[in-house]
Amino acid sequence: LIIGEAELKDCVIRSEYGTVDVLPSNVNLAGAEIELI
């Protein structure tokens, strides 16, 4: 989402726990700092 490769609607996931949606993260995000320069 941050680097512009996906839209928000493609990233948000509905969790199993009631009305909680999640915008998830993983280790790829560690590179965001450099990408944003």
PDB file of all heavy atoms in Angstrom:
ATOM      1  N   LEU A   1       0.837  -1.208   0.000  1.00  0.00           N
ATOM      2  CA  LEU A   1       0.000   0.000   0.000  1.00  0.00           C
ATOM      3  C   LEU A   1       0.872   1.260   0.000  1.00  0.00           C
ATOM      4  O   LEU A   1       0.679   2.172  -0.806  1.00  0.00           O
ATOM      5  CB  LEU A   1      -0.913  -0.004   1.237  1.00  0.00           C
ATOM      6  CG  LEU A   1      -1.857   1.187   1.375  1.00  0.00           C
ATOM      7  CD1 LEU A   1      -2.980   1.098   0.358  1.00  0.00           C
ATOM      8  CD2 LEU A   1      -2.426   1.267   2.788  1.00  0.00           C
ATOM      9  N   ILE A   2       1.864   1.278   0.885  1.00  0.00           N
ATOM     10  CA  ILE A   2       2.706   2.461   1.056  1.00  0.00           C
ATOM     11  C   ILE A   2       3.536   2.761  -0.202  1.00  0.00           C
ATOM     12  O   ILE A   2       3.713   3.912  -0.587  1.00  0.00           O
ATOM     13  CB  ILE A   2       3.615   2.299   2.301  1.00  0.00           C
ATOM     14  CG1 ILE A   2       2.808   2.553   3.576  1.00  0.00           C
ATOM     15  CG2 ILE A   2       4.809   3.235   2.260  1.00  0.00           C
ATOM     16  CD1 ILE A   2       3.555   2.273   4.857  1.00  0.00           C
ATOM     17  N   ILE A   3       4.035   1.702  -0.855  1.00  0.00           N
ATOM     18  CA  ILE A   3       4.889   1.967  -2.035  1.00  0.00           C
ATOM     19  C   ILE A   3       4.060   2.065  -3.323  1.00  0.00           C
ATOM     20  O   ILE A   3       4.613   2.207  -4.408  1.00  0.00           O
ATOM     21  CB  ILE A   3       6.015   0.913  -2.179  1.00  0.00           C
ATOM     22  CG1 ILE A   3       5.443  -0.491  -2.414  1.00  0.00           C
ATOM     23  CG2 ILE A   3       6.948   0.956  -0.993  1.00  0.00           C
ATOM     24  CD1 ILE A   3       6.483  -1.491  -2.885  1.00  0.00           C
ATOM     25  N   GLY A   4       2.726   1.983  -3.193  1.00  0.00           N
ATOM     26  CA  GLY A   4       1.859   2.233  -4.340  1.00  0.00           C
ATOM     27  C   GLY A   4       1.627   1.045  -5.254  1.00  0.00           C
ATOM     28  O   GLY A   4       1.197   1.200  -6.398  1.00  0.00           O
ATOM     29  N   GLU A   5       1.896  -0.170  -4.741  1.00  0.00           N
ATOM     30  CA  GLU A   5       1.701  -1.358  -5.581  1.00  0.00           C
ATOM     31  C   GLU A   5       0.330  -1.989  -5.401  1.00  0.00           C
ATOM     32  O   GLU A   5      -0.022  -2.929  -6.106  1.00  0.00           O
ATOM     33  CB  GLU A   5       2.784  -2.404  -5.279  1.00  0.00           C
ATOM     34  CG  GLU A   5       4.126  -2.043  -5.881  1.00  0.00           C
ATOM     35  CD  GLU A   5       5.157  -3.137  -5.706  1.00  0.00           C
ATOM     36  OE1 GLU A   5       4.820  -4.210  -5.134  1.00  0.00           O
ATOM     37  OE2 GLU A   5       6.317  -2.912  -6.098  1.00  0.00           O
ATOM     38  N   ALA A   6      -0.447  -1.519  -4.409  1.00  0.00           N
ATOM     39  CA  ALA A   6      -1.771  -2.106  -4.166  1.00  0.00           C
ATOM     40  C   ALA A   6      -2.711  -1.036  -3.631  1.00  0.00           C
ATOM     41  O   ALA A   6      -2.269  -0.040  -3.042  1.00  0.00           O
ATOM     42  CB  ALA A   6      -1.662  -3.261  -3.170  1.00  0.00           C
ATOM     43  N   GLU A   7      -3.990  -1.268  -3.839  1.00  0.00           N
ATOM     44  CA  GLU A   7      -5.024  -0.381  -3.296  1.00  0.00           C
ATOM     45  C   GLU A   7      -5.396  -0.860  -1.891  1.00  0.00           C
ATOM     46  O   GLU A   7      -5.240  -2.034  -1.566  1.00  0.00           O
ATOM     47  CB  GLU A   7      -6.273  -0.420  -4.185  1.00  0.00           C
ATOM     48  CG  GLU A   7      -6.055   0.143  -5.581  1.00  0.00           C
ATOM     49  CD  GLU A   7      -5.767   1.630  -5.577  1.00  0.00           C
ATOM     50  OE1 GLU A   7      -6.423   2.362  -4.798  1.00  0.00           O
ATOM     51  OE2 GLU A   7      -4.863   2.059  -6.312  1.00  0.00           O
ATOM     52  N   LEU A   8      -5.952   0.040  -1.088  1.00  0.00           N
ATOM     53  CA  LEU A   8      -6.335  -0.309   0.281  1.00  0.00           C
ATOM     54  C   LEU A   8      -7.314  -1.483   0.316  1.00  0.00           C
ATOM     55  O   LEU A   8      -7.170  -2.400   1.112  1.00  0.00           O
ATOM     56  CB  LEU A   8      -6.937   0.921   0.978  1.00  0.00           C
ATOM     57  CG  LEU A   8      -7.301   0.750   2.453  1.00  0.00           C
ATOM     58  CD1 LEU A   8      -6.072   0.404   3.293  1.00  0.00           C
ATOM     59  CD2 LEU A   8      -7.947   2.021   3.010  1.00  0.00           C
ATOM     60  N   LYS A   9      -8.279  -1.461  -0.598  1.00  0.00           N
ATOM     61  CA  LYS A   9      -9.312  -2.527  -0.587  1.00  0.00           C
ATOM     62  C   LYS A   9      -8.706  -3.908  -0.858  1.00  0.00           C
ATOM     63  O   LYS A   9      -9.264  -4.929  -0.456  1.00  0.00           O
ATOM     64  CB  LYS A   9     -10.423  -2.230  -1.600  1.00  0.00           C
ATOM     65  CG  LYS A   9      -9.986  -2.167  -3.055  1.00  0.00           C
ATOM     66  CD  LYS A   9     -11.174  -1.907  -3.966  1.00  0.00           C
ATOM     67  CE  LYS A   9     -10.792  -1.571  -5.395  1.00  0.00           C
ATOM     68  NZ  LYS A   9      -9.819  -2.416  -6.045  1.00  0.00           N
ATOM     69  N   ASP A  10      -7.543  -3.936  -1.526  1.00  0.00           N
ATOM     70  CA  ASP A  10      -6.892  -5.222  -1.814  1.00  0.00           C
ATOM     71  C   ASP A  10      -6.040  -5.706  -0.641  1.00  0.00           C
ATOM     72  O   ASP A  10      -5.601  -6.854  -0.633  1.00  0.00           O
ATOM     73  CB  ASP A  10      -6.001  -5.096  -3.061  1.00  0.00           C
ATOM     74  CG  ASP A  10      -6.794  -4.654  -4.278  1.00  0.00           C
ATOM     75  OD1 ASP A  10      -7.948  -5.097  -4.407  1.00  0.00           O
ATOM     76  OD2 ASP A  10      -6.263  -3.853  -5.071  1.00  0.00           O
ATOM     77  N   CYS A  11      -5.792  -4.822   0.312  1.00  0.00           N
ATOM     78  CA  CYS A  11      -4.891  -5.166   1.420  1.00  0.00           C
ATOM     79  C   CYS A  11      -5.640  -5.542   2.706  1.00  0.00           C
ATOM     80  O   CYS A  11      -5.137  -6.319   3.523  1.00  0.00           O
ATOM     81  CB  CYS A  11      -3.970  -3.988   1.731  1.00  0.00           C
ATOM     82  SG  CYS A  11      -2.973  -3.456   0.341  1.00  0.00           S
ATOM     83  N   VAL A  12      -6.836  -4.971   2.903  1.00  0.00           N
ATOM     84  CA  VAL A  12      -7.551  -5.180   4.170  1.00  0.00           C
ATOM     85  C   VAL A  12      -8.165  -6.576   4.206  1.00  0.00           C
ATOM     86  O   VAL A  12      -8.772  -7.032   3.238  1.00  0.00           O
ATOM     87  CB  VAL A  12      -8.639  -4.098   4.362  1.00  0.00           C
ATOM     88  CG1 VAL A  12      -9.529  -4.421   5.556  1.00  0.00           C
ATOM     89  CG2 VAL A  12      -7.988  -2.729   4.555  1.00  0.00           C
ATOM     90  N   ILE A  13      -7.988  -7.249   5.337  1.00  0.00           N
ATOM     91  CA  ILE A  13      -8.504  -8.612   5.529  1.00  0.00           C
ATOM     92  C   ILE A  13      -9.469  -8.609   6.708  1.00  0.00           C
ATOM     93  O   ILE A  13      -9.171  -8.020   7.755  1.00  0.00           O
ATOM     94  CB  ILE A  13      -7.337  -9.585   5.831  1.00  0.00           C
ATOM     95  CG1 ILE A  13      -6.363  -9.631   4.639  1.00  0.00           C
ATOM     96  CG2 ILE A  13      -7.852 -10.986   6.170  1.00  0.00           C
ATOM     97  CD1 ILE A  13      -5.071 -10.360   4.936  1.00  0.00           C
ATOM     98  N   ARG A  14     -10.605  -9.283   6.571  1.00  0.00           N
ATOM     99  CA  ARG A  14     -11.526  -9.439   7.708  1.00  0.00           C
ATOM    100  C   ARG A  14     -11.008 -10.571   8.601  1.00  0.00           C
ATOM    101  O   ARG A  14     -10.802 -11.690   8.133  1.00  0.00           O
ATOM    102  CB  ARG A  14     -12.941  -9.745   7.168  1.00  0.00           C
ATOM    103  CG  ARG A  14     -14.013 -10.158   8.189  1.00  0.00           C
ATOM    104  CD  ARG A  14     -14.252  -9.208   9.344  1.00  0.00           C
ATOM    105  NE  ARG A  14     -14.625  -7.852   9.051  1.00  0.00           N
ATOM    106  CZ  ARG A  14     -15.849  -7.347   9.196  1.00  0.00           C
ATOM    107  NH1 ARG A  14     -16.847  -8.116   9.586  1.00  0.00           N
ATOM    108  NH2 ARG A  14     -16.083  -6.069   8.965  1.00  0.00           N
ATOM    109  N   SER A  15     -10.797 -10.271   9.873  1.00  0.00           N
ATOM    110  CA  SER A  15     -10.327 -11.320  10.793  1.00  0.00           C
ATOM    111  C   SER A  15     -11.496 -12.214  11.194  1.00  0.00           C
ATOM    112  O   SER A  15     -12.646 -11.929  10.886  1.00  0.00           O
ATOM    113  CB  SER A  15      -9.711 -10.683  12.044  1.00  0.00           C
ATOM    114  OG  SER A  15     -10.742 -10.251  12.916  1.00  0.00           O
ATOM    115  N   GLU A  16     -11.164 -13.282  11.914  1.00  0.00           N
ATOM    116  CA  GLU A  16     -12.218 -14.193  12.391  1.00  0.00           C
ATOM    117  C   GLU A  16     -12.935 -13.623  13.605  1.00  0.00           C
ATOM    118  O   GLU A  16     -13.921 -14.202  14.070  1.00  0.00           O
ATOM    119  CB  GLU A  16     -11.593 -15.534  12.817  1.00  0.00           C
ATOM    120  CG  GLU A  16     -10.909 -16.302  11.722  1.00  0.00           C
ATOM    121  CD  GLU A  16     -10.062 -17.422  12.319  1.00  0.00           C
ATOM    122  OE1 GLU A  16     -10.534 -18.091  13.272  1.00  0.00           O
ATOM    123  OE2 GLU A  16      -8.921 -17.610  11.841  1.00  0.00           O
ATOM    124  N   TYR A  17     -12.418 -12.531  14.149  1.00  0.00           N
ATOM    125  CA  TYR A  17     -12.888 -12.087  15.455  1.00  0.00           C
ATOM    126  C   TYR A  17     -13.820 -10.900  15.360  1.00  0.00           C
ATOM    127  O   TYR A  17     -13.422  -9.742  15.489  1.00  0.00           O
ATOM    128  CB  TYR A  17     -11.695 -11.814  16.378  1.00  0.00           C
ATOM    129  CG  TYR A  17     -10.782 -13.014  16.424  1.00  0.00           C
ATOM    130  CD1 TYR A  17      -9.476 -12.949  15.963  1.00  0.00           C
ATOM    131  CD2 TYR A  17     -11.271 -14.243  16.872  1.00  0.00           C
ATOM    132  CE1 TYR A  17      -8.664 -14.071  15.973  1.00  0.00           C
ATOM    133  CE2 TYR A  17     -10.465 -15.368  16.878  1.00  0.00           C
ATOM    134  CZ  TYR A  17      -9.165 -15.281  16.433  1.00  0.00           C
ATOM    135  OH  TYR A  17      -8.373 -16.398  16.426  1.00  0.00           O
ATOM    136  N   GLY A  18     -15.080 -11.180  15.101  1.00  0.00           N
ATOM    137  CA  GLY A  18     -16.101 -10.138  15.100  1.00  0.00           C
ATOM    138  C   GLY A  18     -15.830  -9.106  14.025  1.00  0.00           C
ATOM    139  O   GLY A  18     -15.407  -9.406  12.914  1.00  0.00           O
ATOM    140  N   THR A  19     -16.061  -7.860  14.379  1.00  0.00           N
ATOM    141  CA  THR A  19     -15.998  -6.782  13.384  1.00  0.00           C
ATOM    142  C   THR A  19     -14.614  -6.132  13.359  1.00  0.00           C
ATOM    143  O   THR A  19     -14.487  -4.913  13.380  1.00  0.00           O
ATOM    144  CB  THR A  19     -17.077  -5.734  13.711  1.00  0.00           C
ATOM    145  OG1 THR A  19     -16.967  -5.384  15.100  1.00  0.00           O
ATOM    146  CG2 THR A  19     -18.466  -6.279  13.453  1.00  0.00           C
ATOM    147  N   VAL A  20     -13.568  -6.969  13.307  1.00  0.00           N
ATOM    148  CA  VAL A  20     -12.196  -6.454  13.228  1.00  0.00           C
ATOM    149  C   VAL A  20     -11.633  -6.731  11.834  1.00  0.00           C
ATOM    150  O   VAL A  20     -11.478  -7.883  11.441  1.00  0.00           O
ATOM    151  CB  VAL A  20     -11.262  -7.106  14.277  1.00  0.00           C
ATOM    152  CG1 VAL A  20      -9.846  -6.533  14.158  1.00  0.00           C
ATOM    153  CG2 VAL A  20     -11.779  -6.903  15.690  1.00  0.00           C
ATOM    154  N   ASP A  21     -11.362  -5.652  11.091  1.00  0.00           N
ATOM    155  CA  ASP A  21     -10.613  -5.759   9.844  1.00  0.00           C
ATOM    156  C   ASP A  21      -9.152  -5.482  10.147  1.00  0.00           C
ATOM    157  O   ASP A  21      -8.838  -4.733  11.076  1.00  0.00           O
ATOM    158  CB  ASP A  21     -11.105  -4.737   8.815  1.00  0.00           C
ATOM    159  CG  ASP A  21     -12.453  -5.125   8.207  1.00  0.00           C
ATOM    160  OD1 ASP A  21     -12.906  -6.259   8.442  1.00  0.00           O
ATOM    161  OD2 ASP A  21     -13.046  -4.286   7.508  1.00  0.00           O
ATOM    162  N   VAL A  22      -8.266  -6.085   9.345  1.00  0.00           N
ATOM    163  CA  VAL A  22      -6.829  -5.922   9.587  1.00  0.00           C
ATOM    164  C   VAL A  22      -6.137  -5.443   8.310  1.00  0.00           C
ATOM    165  O   VAL A  22      -6.358  -5.999   7.235  1.00  0.00           O
ATOM    166  CB  VAL A  22      -6.191  -7.264  10.042  1.00  0.00           C
ATOM    167  CG1 VAL A  22      -4.707  -7.069  10.345  1.00  0.00           C
ATOM    168  CG2 VAL A  22      -6.911  -7.821  11.268  1.00  0.00           C
ATOM    169  N   LEU A  23      -5.323  -4.405   8.456  1.00  0.00           N
ATOM    170  CA  LEU A  23      -4.387  -4.020   7.395  1.00  0.00           C
ATOM    171  C   LEU A  23      -3.059  -4.629   7.814  1.00  0.00           C
ATOM    172  O   LEU A  23      -2.395  -4.133   8.726  1.00  0.00           O
ATOM    173  CB  LEU A  23      -4.299  -2.490   7.288  1.00  0.00           C
ATOM    174  CG  LEU A  23      -3.319  -1.901   6.256  1.00  0.00           C
ATOM    175  CD1 LEU A  23      -3.496  -2.514   4.876  1.00  0.00           C
ATOM    176  CD2 LEU A  23      -3.438  -0.398   6.195  1.00  0.00           C
ATOM    177  N   PRO A  24      -2.676  -5.762   7.196  1.00  0.00           N
ATOM    178  CA  PRO A  24      -1.597  -6.583   7.752  1.00  0.00           C
ATOM    179  C   PRO A  24      -0.204  -6.084   7.390  1.00  0.00           C
ATOM    180  O   PRO A  24      -0.025  -5.211   6.538  1.00  0.00           O
ATOM    181  CB  PRO A  24      -1.861  -7.956   7.109  1.00  0.00           C
ATOM    182  CG  PRO A  24      -2.505  -7.625   5.797  1.00  0.00           C
ATOM    183  CD  PRO A  24      -3.290  -6.357   6.000  1.00  0.00           C
ATOM    184  N   SER A  25       0.772  -6.693   8.044  1.00  0.00           N
ATOM    185  CA  SER A  25       2.173  -6.342   7.826  1.00  0.00           C
ATOM    186  C   SER A  25       3.000  -7.622   7.878  1.00  0.00           C
ATOM    187  O   SER A  25       2.594  -8.616   8.472  1.00  0.00           O
ATOM    188  CB  SER A  25       2.613  -5.393   8.940  1.00  0.00           C
ATOM    189  OG  SER A  25       4.015  -5.306   8.980  1.00  0.00           O
ATOM    190  N   ASN A  26       4.152  -7.579   7.247  1.00  0.00           N
ATOM    191  CA  ASN A  26       5.143  -8.639   7.439  1.00  0.00           C
ATOM    192  C   ASN A  26       6.532  -8.047   7.248  1.00  0.00           C
ATOM    193  O   ASN A  26       6.686  -6.826   7.146  1.00  0.00           O
ATOM    194  CB  ASN A  26       4.882  -9.856   6.529  1.00  0.00           C
ATOM    195  CG  ASN A  26       4.875  -9.493   5.046  1.00  0.00           C
ATOM    196  OD1 ASN A  26       5.491  -8.511   4.628  1.00  0.00           O
ATOM    197  ND2 ASN A  26       4.163 -10.269   4.255  1.00  0.00           N
ATOM    198  N   VAL A  27       7.536  -8.908   7.175  1.00  0.00           N
ATOM    199  CA  VAL A  27       8.926  -8.448   7.187  1.00  0.00           C
ATOM    200  C   VAL A  27       9.262  -7.550   5.991  1.00  0.00           C
ATOM    201  O   VAL A  27      10.212  -6.751   6.047  1.00  0.00           O
ATOM    202  CB  VAL A  27       9.879  -9.673   7.289  1.00  0.00           C
ATOM    203  CG1 VAL A  27       9.907 -10.457   5.980  1.00  0.00           C
ATOM    204  CG2 VAL A  27      11.268  -9.244   7.722  1.00  0.00           C
ATOM    205  N   ASN A  28       8.509  -7.626   4.908  1.00  0.00           N
ATOM    206  CA  ASN A  28       8.764  -6.759   3.745  1.00  0.00           C
ATOM    207  C   ASN A  28       8.770  -5.276   4.129  1.00  0.00           C
ATOM    208  O   ASN A  28       9.452  -4.468   3.507  1.00  0.00           O
ATOM    209  CB  ASN A  28       7.688  -6.954   2.661  1.00  0.00           C
ATOM    210  CG  ASN A  28       7.744  -8.346   2.064  1.00  0.00           C
ATOM    211  OD1 ASN A  28       8.743  -9.042   2.224  1.00  0.00           O
ATOM    212  ND2 ASN A  28       6.692  -8.759   1.385  1.00  0.00           N
ATOM    213  N   LEU A  29       7.973  -4.942   5.151  1.00  0.00           N
ATOM    214  CA  LEU A  29       7.826  -3.541   5.549  1.00  0.00           C
ATOM    215  C   LEU A  29       9.143  -2.943   6.039  1.00  0.00           C
ATOM    216  O   LEU A  29       9.318  -1.723   6.042  1.00  0.00           O
ATOM    217  CB  LEU A  29       6.738  -3.423   6.630  1.00  0.00           C
ATOM    218  CG  LEU A  29       6.319  -2.019   7.064  1.00  0.00           C
ATOM    219  CD1 LEU A  29       5.763  -1.214   5.891  1.00  0.00           C
ATOM    220  CD2 LEU A  29       5.292  -2.079   8.183  1.00  0.00           C
ATOM    221  N   ALA A  30      10.081  -3.810   6.425  1.00  0.00           N
ATOM    222  CA  ALA A  30      11.376  -3.318   6.922  1.00  0.00           C
ATOM    223  C   ALA A  30      12.089  -2.476   5.860  1.00  0.00           C
ATOM    224  O   ALA A  30      12.882  -1.593   6.179  1.00  0.00           O
ATOM    225  CB  ALA A  30      12.249  -4.494   7.346  1.00  0.00           C
ATOM    226  N   GLY A  31      11.774  -2.715   4.578  1.00  0.00           N
ATOM    227  CA  GLY A  31      12.426  -1.962   3.509  1.00  0.00           C
ATOM    228  C   GLY A  31      11.753  -0.644   3.178  1.00  0.00           C
ATOM    229  O   GLY A  31      12.249   0.122   2.346  1.00  0.00           O
ATOM    230  N   ALA A  32      10.639  -0.363   3.829  1.00  0.00           N
ATOM    231  CA  ALA A  32       9.845   0.824   3.467  1.00  0.00           C
ATOM    232  C   ALA A  32      10.608   2.123   3.671  1.00  0.00           C
ATOM    233  O   ALA A  32      10.496   3.053   2.878  1.00  0.00           O
ATOM    234  CB  ALA A  32       8.550   0.853   4.274  1.00  0.00           C
ATOM    235  N   GLU A  33      11.403   2.167   4.719  1.00  0.00           N
ATOM    236  CA  GLU A  33      12.160   3.385   5.051  1.00  0.00           C
ATOM    237  C   GLU A  33      12.982   3.849   3.847  1.00  0.00           C
ATOM    238  O   GLU A  33      12.988   5.025   3.486  1.00  0.00           O
ATOM    239  CB  GLU A  33      13.075   3.069   6.236  1.00  0.00           C
ATOM    240  CG  GLU A  33      13.700   4.281   6.848  1.00  0.00           C
ATOM    241  CD  GLU A  33      13.023   4.679   8.153  1.00  0.00           C
ATOM    242  OE1 GLU A  33      12.228   3.908   8.695  1.00  0.00           O
ATOM    243  OE2 GLU A  33      13.305   5.790   8.599  1.00  0.00           O
ATOM    244  N   ILE A  34      13.666   2.894   3.210  1.00  0.00           N
ATOM    245  CA  ILE A  34      14.526   3.218   2.061  1.00  0.00           C
ATOM    246  C   ILE A  34      13.676   3.586   0.847  1.00  0.00           C
ATOM    247  O   ILE A  34      13.977   4.530   0.126  1.00  0.00           O
ATOM    248  CB  ILE A  34      15.461   2.022   1.750  1.00  0.00           C
ATOM    249  CG1 ILE A  34      16.417   1.810   2.930  1.00  0.00           C
ATOM    250  CG2 ILE A  34      16.250   2.240   0.471  1.00  0.00           C
ATOM    251  CD1 ILE A  34      16.952   0.437   3.079  1.00  0.00           C
ATOM    252  N   GLU A  35      12.583   2.823   0.649  1.00  0.00           N
ATOM    253  CA  GLU A  35      11.699   3.075  -0.503  1.00  0.00           C
ATOM    254  C   GLU A  35      11.105   4.485  -0.459  1.00  0.00           C
ATOM    255  O   GLU A  35      10.813   5.071  -1.492  1.00  0.00           O
ATOM    256  CB  GLU A  35      10.533   2.067  -0.504  1.00  0.00           C
ATOM    257  CG  GLU A  35      10.969   0.616  -0.562  1.00  0.00           C
ATOM    258  CD  GLU A  35      10.937   0.051  -1.959  1.00  0.00           C
ATOM    259  OE1 GLU A  35      10.671   0.805  -2.906  1.00  0.00           O
ATOM    260  OE2 GLU A  35      11.192  -1.160  -2.079  1.00  0.00           O
ATOM    261  N   LEU A  36      10.906   4.997   0.745  1.00  0.00           N
ATOM    262  CA  LEU A  36      10.219   6.283   0.883  1.00  0.00           C
ATOM    263  C   LEU A  36      11.147   7.487   0.712  1.00  0.00           C
ATOM    264  O   LEU A  36      10.682   8.616   0.620  1.00  0.00           O
ATOM    265  CB  LEU A  36       9.534   6.365   2.254  1.00  0.00           C
ATOM    266  CG  LEU A  36       8.351   5.407   2.459  1.00  0.00           C
ATOM    267  CD1 LEU A  36       7.830   5.502   3.880  1.00  0.00           C
ATOM    268  CD2 LEU A  36       7.229   5.703   1.476  1.00  0.00           C
ATOM    269  N   ILE A  37      12.470   7.239   0.659  1.00  0.00           N
ATOM    270  CA  ILE A  37      13.408   8.355   0.497  1.00  0.00           C
ATOM    271  C   ILE A  37      13.091   9.093  -0.807  1.00  0.00           C
ATOM    272  O   ILE A  37      12.943   8.487  -1.859  1.00  0.00           O
ATOM    273  CB  ILE A  37      14.870   7.840   0.485  1.00  0.00           C
ATOM    274  CG1 ILE A  37      15.260   7.323   1.882  1.00  0.00           C
ATOM    275  CG2 ILE A  37      15.840   8.954   0.058  1.00  0.00           C
ATOM    276  CD1 ILE A  37      16.570   6.596   1.936  1.00  0.00           C
TER     277      ILE A  37
END
